[in-house]
Amino acid sequence: AYQIENDFGRSIEAYRADLELGGITRSVDFLRFGRIALMYQTQDGSETGAWDQKAQQWVVLPGEYRNSVRQGLRIARKQVAPDMLQLPIPAAEDAK
């Protein structure tokens, strides 16, 4: 079980699912980076967002992250080689 959890924490995954935002359900592409970040992008690329753990809700990201999330989706699907991405990753916090 420890090894499975360790592997999950270091993995990247892309999948398509429905997401309800503002009473509207849309099919989006999700991008998961281990346990660090969960992001989405609409299929037409017009909206990109991320899960805000503190607020416990989805937040729309600025347009500057659109291409990075798209590239991350392509990396997760093994369509392109791994590369550096500029994404809004929350800073680590002290364990209390």
PDB file of N, CA and C in Angstrom:
ATOM      1  N   ALA A   1       0.824  -1.195   0.000  1.00  0.00           N
ATOM      2  CA  ALA A   1       0.000   0.000   0.000  1.00  0.00           C
ATOM      3  C   ALA A   1       0.871   1.262   0.000  1.00  0.00           C
ATOM      4  N   TYR A   2       1.975   1.215   0.737  1.00  0.00           N
ATOM      5  CA  TYR A   2       2.875   2.369   0.794  1.00  0.00           C
ATOM      6  C   TYR A   2       3.453   2.656  -0.591  1.00  0.00           C
ATOM      7  N   GLN A   3       3.865   1.604  -1.307  1.00  0.00           N
ATOM      8  CA  GLN A   3       4.455   1.777  -2.632  1.00  0.00           C
ATOM      9  C   GLN A   3       3.439   2.358  -3.609  1.00  0.00           C
ATOM     10  N   ILE A   4       2.195   1.909  -3.545  1.00  0.00           N
ATOM     11  CA  ILE A   4       1.139   2.434  -4.418  1.00  0.00           C
ATOM     12  C   ILE A   4       0.928   3.920  -4.146  1.00  0.00           C
ATOM     13  N   GLU A   5       0.867   4.285  -2.881  1.00  0.00           N
ATOM     14  CA  GLU A   5       0.680   5.698  -2.506  1.00  0.00           C
ATOM     15  C   GLU A   5       1.872   6.526  -2.959  1.00  0.00           C
ATOM     16  N   ASN A   6       3.067   6.001  -2.805  1.00  0.00           N
ATOM     17  CA  ASN A   6       4.276   6.707  -3.233  1.00  0.00           C
ATOM     18  C   ASN A   6       4.264   6.921  -4.744  1.00  0.00           C
ATOM     19  N   ASP A   7       3.916   5.907  -5.502  1.00  0.00           N
ATOM     20  CA  ASP A   7       3.849   6.031  -6.960  1.00  0.00           C
ATOM     21  C   ASP A   7       2.794   7.040  -7.394  1.00  0.00           C
ATOM     22  N   PHE A   8       1.639   7.039  -6.737  1.00  0.00           N
ATOM     23  CA  PHE A   8       0.556   7.968  -7.071  1.00  0.00           C
ATOM     24  C   PHE A   8       1.011   9.408  -6.873  1.00  0.00           C
ATOM     25  N   GLY A   9       1.763   9.653  -5.813  1.00  0.00           N
ATOM     26  CA  GLY A   9       2.220  10.998  -5.504  1.00  0.00           C
ATOM     27  C   GLY A   9       3.202  11.564  -6.512  1.00  0.00           C
ATOM     28  N   ARG A  10       3.832  10.707  -7.305  1.00  0.00           N
ATOM     29  CA  ARG A  10       4.816  11.157  -8.284  1.00  0.00           C
ATOM     30  C   ARG A  10       4.329  10.986  -9.721  1.00  0.00           C
ATOM     31  N   SER A  11       3.045  10.778  -9.914  1.00  0.00           N
ATOM     32  CA  SER A  11       2.528  10.509 -11.258  1.00  0.00           C
ATOM     33  C   SER A  11       1.819  11.730 -11.847  1.00  0.00           C
ATOM     34  N   ILE A  12       1.619  11.658 -13.148  1.00  0.00           N
ATOM     35  CA  ILE A  12       0.872  12.680 -13.876  1.00  0.00           C
ATOM     36  C   ILE A  12      -0.197  11.947 -14.678  1.00  0.00           C
ATOM     37  N   GLU A  13      -1.398  12.493 -14.710  1.00  0.00           N
ATOM     38  CA  GLU A  13      -2.510  11.823 -15.378  1.00  0.00           C
ATOM     39  C   GLU A  13      -3.399  12.840 -16.078  1.00  0.00           C
ATOM     40  N   ALA A  14      -3.919  12.442 -17.226  1.00  0.00           N
ATOM     41  CA  ALA A  14      -4.899  13.253 -17.960  1.00  0.00           C
ATOM     42  C   ALA A  14      -6.114  12.382 -18.225  1.00  0.00           C
ATOM     43  N   TYR A  15      -7.285  12.940 -18.014  1.00  0.00           N
ATOM     44  CA  TYR A  15      -8.522  12.218 -18.303  1.00  0.00           C
ATOM     45  C   TYR A  15      -9.636  13.205 -18.596  1.00  0.00           C
ATOM     46  N   ARG A  16     -10.671  12.730 -19.276  1.00  0.00           N
ATOM     47  CA  ARG A  16     -11.816  13.562 -19.634  1.00  0.00           C
ATOM     48  C   ARG A  16     -13.011  13.155 -18.774  1.00  0.00           C
ATOM     49  N   ALA A  17     -13.705  14.163 -18.250  1.00  0.00           N
ATOM     50  CA  ALA A  17     -14.886  13.914 -17.419  1.00  0.00           C
ATOM     51  C   ALA A  17     -15.758  15.167 -17.430  1.00  0.00           C
ATOM     52  N   ASP A  18     -16.954  15.032 -16.880  1.00  0.00           N
ATOM     53  CA  ASP A  18     -17.869  16.165 -16.775  1.00  0.00           C
ATOM     54  C   ASP A  18     -17.561  16.965 -15.515  1.00  0.00           C
ATOM     55  N   LEU A  19     -17.705  18.278 -15.615  1.00  0.00           N
ATOM     56  CA  LEU A  19     -17.481  19.186 -14.493  1.00  0.00           C
ATOM     57  C   LEU A  19     -18.617  20.190 -14.472  1.00  0.00           C
ATOM     58  N   GLU A  20     -19.233  20.367 -13.300  1.00  0.00           N
ATOM     59  CA  GLU A  20     -20.307  21.351 -13.160  1.00  0.00           C
ATOM     60  C   GLU A  20     -19.742  22.614 -12.522  1.00  0.00           C
ATOM     61  N   LEU A  21     -19.896  23.718 -13.234  1.00  0.00           N
ATOM     62  CA  LEU A  21     -19.461  25.026 -12.753  1.00  0.00           C
ATOM     63  C   LEU A  21     -20.573  26.022 -13.005  1.00  0.00           C
ATOM     64  N   GLY A  22     -21.011  26.695 -11.974  1.00  0.00           N
ATOM     65  CA  GLY A  22     -22.052  27.703 -12.126  1.00  0.00           C
ATOM     66  C   GLY A  22     -23.350  27.144 -12.681  1.00  0.00           C
ATOM     67  N   GLY A  23     -23.654  25.905 -12.331  1.00  0.00           N
ATOM     68  CA  GLY A  23     -24.891  25.287 -12.786  1.00  0.00           C
ATOM     69  C   GLY A  23     -24.834  24.736 -14.207  1.00  0.00           C
ATOM     70  N   ILE A  24     -23.679  24.838 -14.852  1.00  0.00           N
ATOM     71  CA  ILE A  24     -23.511  24.341 -16.215  1.00  0.00           C
ATOM     72  C   ILE A  24     -22.545  23.158 -16.180  1.00  0.00           C
ATOM     73  N   THR A  25     -22.947  22.046 -16.782  1.00  0.00           N
ATOM     74  CA  THR A  25     -22.090  20.871 -16.849  1.00  0.00           C
ATOM     75  C   THR A  25     -21.397  20.840 -18.202  1.00  0.00           C
ATOM     76  N   ARG A  26     -20.070  20.708 -18.159  1.00  0.00           N
ATOM     77  CA  ARG A  26     -19.275  20.664 -19.384  1.00  0.00           C
ATOM     78  C   ARG A  26     -18.320  19.477 -19.318  1.00  0.00           C
ATOM     79  N   SER A  27     -17.969  18.979 -20.480  1.00  0.00           N
ATOM     80  CA  SER A  27     -16.946  17.943 -20.574  1.00  0.00           C
ATOM     81  C   SER A  27     -15.602  18.656 -20.667  1.00  0.00           C
ATOM     82  N   VAL A  28     -14.701  18.332 -19.738  1.00  0.00           N
ATOM     83  CA  VAL A  28     -13.393  18.989 -19.689  1.00  0.00           C
ATOM     84  C   VAL A  28     -12.287  17.938 -19.608  1.00  0.00           C
ATOM     85  N   ASP A  29     -11.077  18.369 -19.890  1.00  0.00           N
ATOM     86  CA  ASP A  29      -9.897  17.531 -19.717  1.00  0.00           C
ATOM     87  C   ASP A  29      -9.263  17.898 -18.382  1.00  0.00           C
ATOM     88  N   PHE A  30      -9.056  16.890 -17.525  1.00  0.00           N
ATOM     89  CA  PHE A  30      -8.424  17.097 -16.227  1.00  0.00           C
ATOM     90  C   PHE A  30      -6.951  16.733 -16.315  1.00  0.00           C
ATOM     91  N   LEU A  31      -6.129  17.469 -15.590  1.00  0.00           N
ATOM     92  CA  LEU A  31      -4.703  17.211 -15.493  1.00  0.00           C
ATOM     93  C   LEU A  31      -4.372  17.115 -14.014  1.00  0.00           C
ATOM     94  N   ARG A  32      -3.841  15.946 -13.602  1.00  0.00           N
ATOM     95  CA  ARG A  32      -3.496  15.732 -12.193  1.00  0.00           C
ATOM     96  C   ARG A  32      -1.992  15.528 -12.068  1.00  0.00           C
ATOM     97  N   PHE A  33      -1.363  16.320 -11.181  1.00  0.00           N
ATOM     98  CA  PHE A  33       0.047  16.173 -10.856  1.00  0.00           C
ATOM     99  C   PHE A  33       0.141  15.598  -9.453  1.00  0.00           C
ATOM    100  N   GLY A  34       0.298  14.285  -9.360  1.00  0.00           N
ATOM    101  CA  GLY A  34       0.396  13.637  -8.055  1.00  0.00           C
ATOM    102  C   GLY A  34      -0.694  14.113  -7.125  1.00  0.00           C
ATOM    103  N   ARG A  35      -0.302  14.503  -5.920  1.00  0.00           N
ATOM    104  CA  ARG A  35      -1.256  15.070  -4.953  1.00  0.00           C
ATOM    105  C   ARG A  35      -1.070  16.578  -4.826  1.00  0.00           C
ATOM    106  N   ILE A  36      -0.330  17.161  -5.783  1.00  0.00           N
ATOM    107  CA  ILE A  36      -0.001  18.579  -5.700  1.00  0.00           C
ATOM    108  C   ILE A  36      -1.028  19.471  -6.376  1.00  0.00           C
ATOM    109  N   ALA A  37      -1.496  19.074  -7.563  1.00  0.00           N
ATOM    110  CA  ALA A  37      -2.393  19.963  -8.312  1.00  0.00           C
ATOM    111  C   ALA A  37      -3.380  19.166  -9.156  1.00  0.00           C
ATOM    112  N   LEU A  38      -4.576  19.710  -9.254  1.00  0.00           N
ATOM    113  CA  LEU A  38      -5.614  19.173 -10.131  1.00  0.00           C
ATOM    114  C   LEU A  38      -6.163  20.356 -10.922  1.00  0.00           C
ATOM    115  N   MET A  39      -6.053  20.264 -12.245  1.00  0.00           N
ATOM    116  CA  MET A  39      -6.459  21.351 -13.125  1.00  0.00           C
ATOM    117  C   MET A  39      -7.395  20.825 -14.192  1.00  0.00           C
ATOM    118  N   TYR A  40      -8.099  21.754 -14.831  1.00  0.00           N
ATOM    119  CA  TYR A  40      -8.969  21.365 -15.940  1.00  0.00           C
ATOM    120  C   TYR A  40      -8.816  22.371 -17.069  1.00  0.00           C
ATOM    121  N   GLN A  41      -9.222  21.921 -18.247  1.00  0.00           N
ATOM    122  CA  GLN A  41      -9.278  22.811 -19.404  1.00  0.00           C
ATOM    123  C   GLN A  41     -10.452  22.358 -20.268  1.00  0.00           C
ATOM    124  N   THR A  42     -11.250  23.331 -20.705  1.00  0.00           N
ATOM    125  CA  THR A  42     -12.354  22.985 -21.595  1.00  0.00           C
ATOM    126  C   THR A  42     -11.781  22.445 -22.895  1.00  0.00           C
ATOM    127  N   GLN A  43     -12.576  21.669 -23.598  1.00  0.00           N
ATOM    128  CA  GLN A  43     -12.081  21.021 -24.807  1.00  0.00           C
ATOM    129  C   GLN A  43     -11.666  22.016 -25.877  1.00  0.00           C
ATOM    130  N   ASP A  44     -12.306  23.172 -25.908  1.00  0.00           N
ATOM    131  CA  ASP A  44     -11.916  24.185 -26.898  1.00  0.00           C
ATOM    132  C   ASP A  44     -10.774  25.075 -26.390  1.00  0.00           C
ATOM    133  N   GLY A  45     -10.316  24.839 -25.156  1.00  0.00           N
ATOM    134  CA  GLY A  45      -9.203  25.592 -24.591  1.00  0.00           C
ATOM    135  C   GLY A  45      -9.552  26.993 -24.144  1.00  0.00           C
ATOM    136  N   SER A  46     -10.832  27.327 -24.140  1.00  0.00           N
ATOM    137  CA  SER A  46     -11.232  28.696 -23.800  1.00  0.00           C
ATOM    138  C   SER A  46     -11.171  28.992 -22.303  1.00  0.00           C
ATOM    139  N   GLU A  47     -11.197  27.951 -21.466  1.00  0.00           N
ATOM    140  CA  GLU A  47     -11.154  28.164 -20.023  1.00  0.00           C
ATOM    141  C   GLU A  47     -10.259  27.125 -19.374  1.00  0.00           C
ATOM    142  N   THR A  48      -9.439  27.595 -18.454  1.00  0.00           N
ATOM    143  CA  THR A  48      -8.532  26.737 -17.705  1.00  0.00           C
ATOM    144  C   THR A  48      -8.723  27.065 -16.236  1.00  0.00           C
ATOM    145  N   GLY A  49      -8.734  26.043 -15.399  1.00  0.00           N
ATOM    146  CA  GLY A  49      -8.939  26.268 -13.976  1.00  0.00           C
ATOM    147  C   GLY A  49      -8.197  25.251 -13.135  1.00  0.00           C
ATOM    148  N   ALA A  50      -8.231  25.473 -11.824  1.00  0.00           N
ATOM    149  CA  ALA A  50      -7.551  24.585 -10.883  1.00  0.00           C
ATOM    150  C   ALA A  50      -8.372  24.473  -9.612  1.00  0.00           C
ATOM    151  N   TRP A  51      -8.186  23.369  -8.910  1.00  0.00           N
ATOM    152  CA  TRP A  51      -8.850  23.172  -7.629  1.00  0.00           C
ATOM    153  C   TRP A  51      -8.073  23.933  -6.564  1.00  0.00           C
ATOM    154  N   ASP A  52      -8.783  24.796  -5.832  1.00  0.00           N
ATOM    155  CA  ASP A  52      -8.204  25.560  -4.730  1.00  0.00           C
ATOM    156  C   ASP A  52      -8.522  24.807  -3.441  1.00  0.00           C
ATOM    157  N   GLN A  53      -7.513  24.174  -2.861  1.00  0.00           N
ATOM    158  CA  GLN A  53      -7.723  23.335  -1.682  1.00  0.00           C
ATOM    159  C   GLN A  53      -8.233  24.143  -0.486  1.00  0.00           C
ATOM    160  N   LYS A  54      -7.684  25.342  -0.291  1.00  0.00           N
ATOM    161  CA  LYS A  54      -8.120  26.156   0.856  1.00  0.00           C
ATOM    162  C   LYS A  54      -9.576  26.577   0.729  1.00  0.00           C
ATOM    163  N   ALA A  55      -9.967  27.023  -0.461  1.00  0.00           N
ATOM    164  CA  ALA A  55     -11.341  27.492  -0.676  1.00  0.00           C
ATOM    165  C   ALA A  55     -12.300  26.347  -0.959  1.00  0.00           C
ATOM    166  N   GLN A  56     -11.756  25.153  -1.231  1.00  0.00           N
ATOM    167  CA  GLN A  56     -12.568  23.977  -1.554  1.00  0.00           C
ATOM    168  C   GLN A  56     -13.493  24.233  -2.742  1.00  0.00           C
ATOM    169  N   GLN A  57     -12.918  24.847  -3.797  1.00  0.00           N
ATOM    170  CA  GLN A  57     -13.697  25.123  -5.001  1.00  0.00           C
ATOM    171  C   GLN A  57     -12.775  25.291  -6.200  1.00  0.00           C
ATOM    172  N   TRP A  58     -13.360  25.203  -7.390  1.00  0.00           N
ATOM    173  CA  TRP A  58     -12.614  25.424  -8.623  1.00  0.00           C
ATOM    174  C   TRP A  58     -12.447  26.917  -8.844  1.00  0.00           C
ATOM    175  N   VAL A  59     -11.273  27.320  -9.311  1.00  0.00           N
ATOM    176  CA  VAL A  59     -11.020  28.718  -9.648  1.00  0.00           C
ATOM    177  C   VAL A  59     -10.517  28.778 -11.092  1.00  0.00           C
ATOM    178  N   VAL A  60     -10.963  29.785 -11.814  1.00  0.00           N
ATOM    179  CA  VAL A  60     -10.517  29.983 -13.195  1.00  0.00           C
ATOM    180  C   VAL A  60      -9.136  30.625 -13.157  1.00  0.00           C
ATOM    181  N   LEU A  61      -8.221  30.068 -13.947  1.00  0.00           N
ATOM    182  CA  LEU A  61      -6.853  30.580 -14.002  1.00  0.00           C
ATOM    183  C   LEU A  61      -6.715  31.646 -15.087  1.00  0.00           C
ATOM    184  N   PRO A  62      -5.754  32.544 -14.925  1.00  0.00           N
ATOM    185  CA  PRO A  62      -5.486  33.538 -15.973  1.00  0.00           C
ATOM    186  C   PRO A  62      -5.066  32.853 -17.272  1.00  0.00           C
ATOM    187  N   GLY A  63      -5.285  33.516 -18.372  1.00  0.00           N
ATOM    188  CA  GLY A  63      -4.980  32.971 -19.688  1.00  0.00           C
ATOM    189  C   GLY A  63      -3.527  32.575 -19.885  1.00  0.00           C
ATOM    190  N   GLU A  64      -2.619  33.121 -19.062  1.00  0.00           N
ATOM    191  CA  GLU A  64      -1.199  32.800 -19.219  1.00  0.00           C
ATOM    192  C   GLU A  64      -0.892  31.327 -18.947  1.00  0.00           C
ATOM    193  N   TYR A  65      -1.805  30.598 -18.292  1.00  0.00           N
ATOM    194  CA  TYR A  65      -1.584  29.182 -17.996  1.00  0.00           C
ATOM    195  C   TYR A  65      -2.204  28.251 -19.034  1.00  0.00           C
ATOM    196  N   ARG A  66      -2.948  28.786 -19.973  1.00  0.00           N
ATOM    197  CA  ARG A  66      -3.656  27.973 -20.963  1.00  0.00           C
ATOM    198  C   ARG A  66      -2.715  27.026 -21.717  1.00  0.00           C
ATOM    199  N   ASN A  67      -1.638  27.562 -22.278  1.00  0.00           N
ATOM    200  CA  ASN A  67      -0.722  26.732 -23.059  1.00  0.00           C
ATOM    201  C   ASN A  67       0.027  25.727 -22.201  1.00  0.00           C
ATOM    202  N   SER A  68       0.393  26.097 -20.978  1.00  0.00           N
ATOM    203  CA  SER A  68       1.099  25.175 -20.093  1.00  0.00           C
ATOM    204  C   SER A  68       0.226  23.990 -19.706  1.00  0.00           C
ATOM    205  N   VAL A  69      -1.042  24.234 -19.412  1.00  0.00           N
ATOM    206  CA  VAL A  69      -1.948  23.133 -19.068  1.00  0.00           C
ATOM    207  C   VAL A  69      -2.170  22.253 -20.296  1.00  0.00           C
ATOM    208  N   ARG A  70      -2.334  22.864 -21.457  1.00  0.00           N
ATOM    209  CA  ARG A  70      -2.486  22.085 -22.694  1.00  0.00           C
ATOM    210  C   ARG A  70      -1.264  21.203 -22.917  1.00  0.00           C
ATOM    211  N   GLN A  71      -0.069  21.776 -22.702  1.00  0.00           N
ATOM    212  CA  GLN A  71       1.170  21.008 -22.863  1.00  0.00           C
ATOM    213  C   GLN A  71       1.243  19.892 -21.812  1.00  0.00           C
ATOM    214  N   GLY A  72       0.825  20.171 -20.581  1.00  0.00           N
ATOM    215  CA  GLY A  72       0.801  19.155 -19.532  1.00  0.00           C
ATOM    216  C   GLY A  72      -0.118  17.995 -19.885  1.00  0.00           C
ATOM    217  N   LEU A  73      -1.261  18.296 -20.488  1.00  0.00           N
ATOM    218  CA  LEU A  73      -2.179  17.251 -20.931  1.00  0.00           C
ATOM    219  C   LEU A  73      -1.512  16.375 -21.990  1.00  0.00           C
ATOM    220  N   ARG A  74      -0.789  16.995 -22.895  1.00  0.00           N
ATOM    221  CA  ARG A  74      -0.100  16.244 -23.952  1.00  0.00           C
ATOM    222  C   ARG A  74       1.023  15.384 -23.367  1.00  0.00           C
ATOM    223  N   ILE A  75       1.729  15.893 -22.369  1.00  0.00           N
ATOM    224  CA  ILE A  75       2.781  15.109 -21.711  1.00  0.00           C
ATOM    225  C   ILE A  75       2.168  13.913 -20.995  1.00  0.00           C
ATOM    226  N   ALA A  76       1.085  14.139 -20.259  1.00  0.00           N
ATOM    227  CA  ALA A  76       0.431  13.048 -19.521  1.00  0.00           C
ATOM    228  C   ALA A  76      -0.078  11.965 -20.459  1.00  0.00           C
ATOM    229  N   ARG A  77      -0.496  12.346 -21.648  1.00  0.00           N
ATOM    230  CA  ARG A  77      -0.995  11.369 -22.631  1.00  0.00           C
ATOM    231  C   ARG A  77       0.135  10.755 -23.462  1.00  0.00           C
ATOM    232  N   LYS A  78       1.372  11.128 -23.121  1.00  0.00           N
ATOM    233  CA  LYS A  78       2.570  10.624 -23.808  1.00  0.00           C
ATOM    234  C   LYS A  78       2.574  10.965 -25.297  1.00  0.00           C
ATOM    235  N   GLN A  79       2.021  12.147 -25.624  1.00  0.00           N
ATOM    236  CA  GLN A  79       2.028  12.631 -27.000  1.00  0.00           C
ATOM    237  C   GLN A  79       3.279  13.448 -27.295  1.00  0.00           C
ATOM    238  N   VAL A  80       3.912  13.972 -26.251  1.00  0.00           N
ATOM    239  CA  VAL A  80       5.166  14.728 -26.378  1.00  0.00           C
ATOM    240  C   VAL A  80       6.077  14.327 -25.221  1.00  0.00           C
ATOM    241  N   ALA A  81       7.342  14.620 -25.360  1.00  0.00           N
ATOM    242  CA  ALA A  81       8.324  14.304 -24.316  1.00  0.00           C
ATOM    243  C   ALA A  81       8.107  15.199 -23.089  1.00  0.00           C
ATOM    244  N   PRO A  82       8.430  14.692 -21.899  1.00  0.00           N
ATOM    245  CA  PRO A  82       8.324  15.515 -20.689  1.00  0.00           C
ATOM    246  C   PRO A  82       9.151  16.789 -20.819  1.00  0.00           C
ATOM    247  N   ASP A  83       8.630  17.863 -20.250  1.00  0.00           N
ATOM    248  CA  ASP A  83       9.286  19.156 -20.330  1.00  0.00           C
ATOM    249  C   ASP A  83       8.890  19.964 -19.105  1.00  0.00           C
ATOM    250  N   MET A  84       9.555  21.072 -18.892  1.00  0.00           N
ATOM    251  CA  MET A  84       9.217  21.964 -17.785  1.00  0.00           C
ATOM    252  C   MET A  84       7.928  22.711 -18.120  1.00  0.00           C
ATOM    253  N   LEU A  85       7.082  22.875 -17.095  1.00  0.00           N
ATOM    254  CA  LEU A  85       5.820  23.595 -17.260  1.00  0.00           C
ATOM    255  C   LEU A  85       5.735  24.693 -16.207  1.00  0.00           C
ATOM    256  N   GLN A  86       5.144  25.800 -16.576  1.00  0.00           N
ATOM    257  CA  GLN A  86       4.910  26.880 -15.624  1.00  0.00           C
ATOM    258  C   GLN A  86       3.443  26.815 -15.225  1.00  0.00           C
ATOM    259  N   LEU A  87       3.208  26.317 -13.999  1.00  0.00           N
ATOM    260  CA  LEU A  87       1.843  26.123 -13.512  1.00  0.00           C
ATOM    261  C   LEU A  87       1.707  26.709 -12.111  1.00  0.00           C
ATOM    262  N   PRO A  88       0.486  27.088 -11.734  1.00  0.00           N
ATOM    263  CA  PRO A  88       0.265  27.647 -10.392  1.00  0.00           C
ATOM    264  C   PRO A  88       0.191  26.535  -9.349  1.00  0.00           C
ATOM    265  N   ILE A  89       1.312  26.193  -8.758  1.00  0.00           N
ATOM    266  CA  ILE A  89       1.379  25.138  -7.756  1.00  0.00           C
ATOM    267  C   ILE A  89       1.441  25.814  -6.381  1.00  0.00           C
ATOM    268  N   PRO A  90       0.549  25.423  -5.461  1.00  0.00           N
ATOM    269  CA  PRO A  90       0.570  26.060  -4.131  1.00  0.00           C
ATOM    270  C   PRO A  90       1.857  25.745  -3.381  1.00  0.00           C
ATOM    271  N   ALA A  91       2.312  26.687  -2.592  1.00  0.00           N
ATOM    272  CA  ALA A  91       3.526  26.511  -1.803  1.00  0.00           C
ATOM    273  C   ALA A  91       3.274  25.523  -0.662  1.00  0.00           C
ATOM    274  N   ALA A  92       4.318  24.837  -0.265  1.00  0.00           N
ATOM    275  CA  ALA A  92       4.219  23.896   0.857  1.00  0.00           C
ATOM    276  C   ALA A  92       3.947  24.660   2.138  1.00  0.00           C
ATOM    277  N   GLU A  93       3.241  24.005   3.054  1.00  0.00           N
ATOM    278  CA  GLU A  93       2.942  24.606   4.346  1.00  0.00           C
ATOM    279  C   GLU A  93       3.546  23.752   5.454  1.00  0.00           C
ATOM    280  N   ASP A  94       3.816  24.362   6.602  1.00  0.00           N
ATOM    281  CA  ASP A  94       4.327  23.623   7.746  1.00  0.00           C
ATOM    282  C   ASP A  94       3.266  22.668   8.256  1.00  0.00           C
ATOM    283  N   ALA A  95       3.676  21.462   8.601  1.00  0.00           N
ATOM    284  CA  ALA A  95       2.756  20.506   9.222  1.00  0.00           C
ATOM    285  C   ALA A  95       2.576  20.911  10.682  1.00  0.00           C
ATOM    286  N   LYS A  96       1.344  20.933  11.112  1.00  0.00           N
ATOM    287  CA  LYS A  96       1.074  21.354  12.507  1.00  0.00           C
ATOM    288  C   LYS A  96       0.372  20.270  13.259  1.00  0.00           C
TER     289      LYS A  96
END
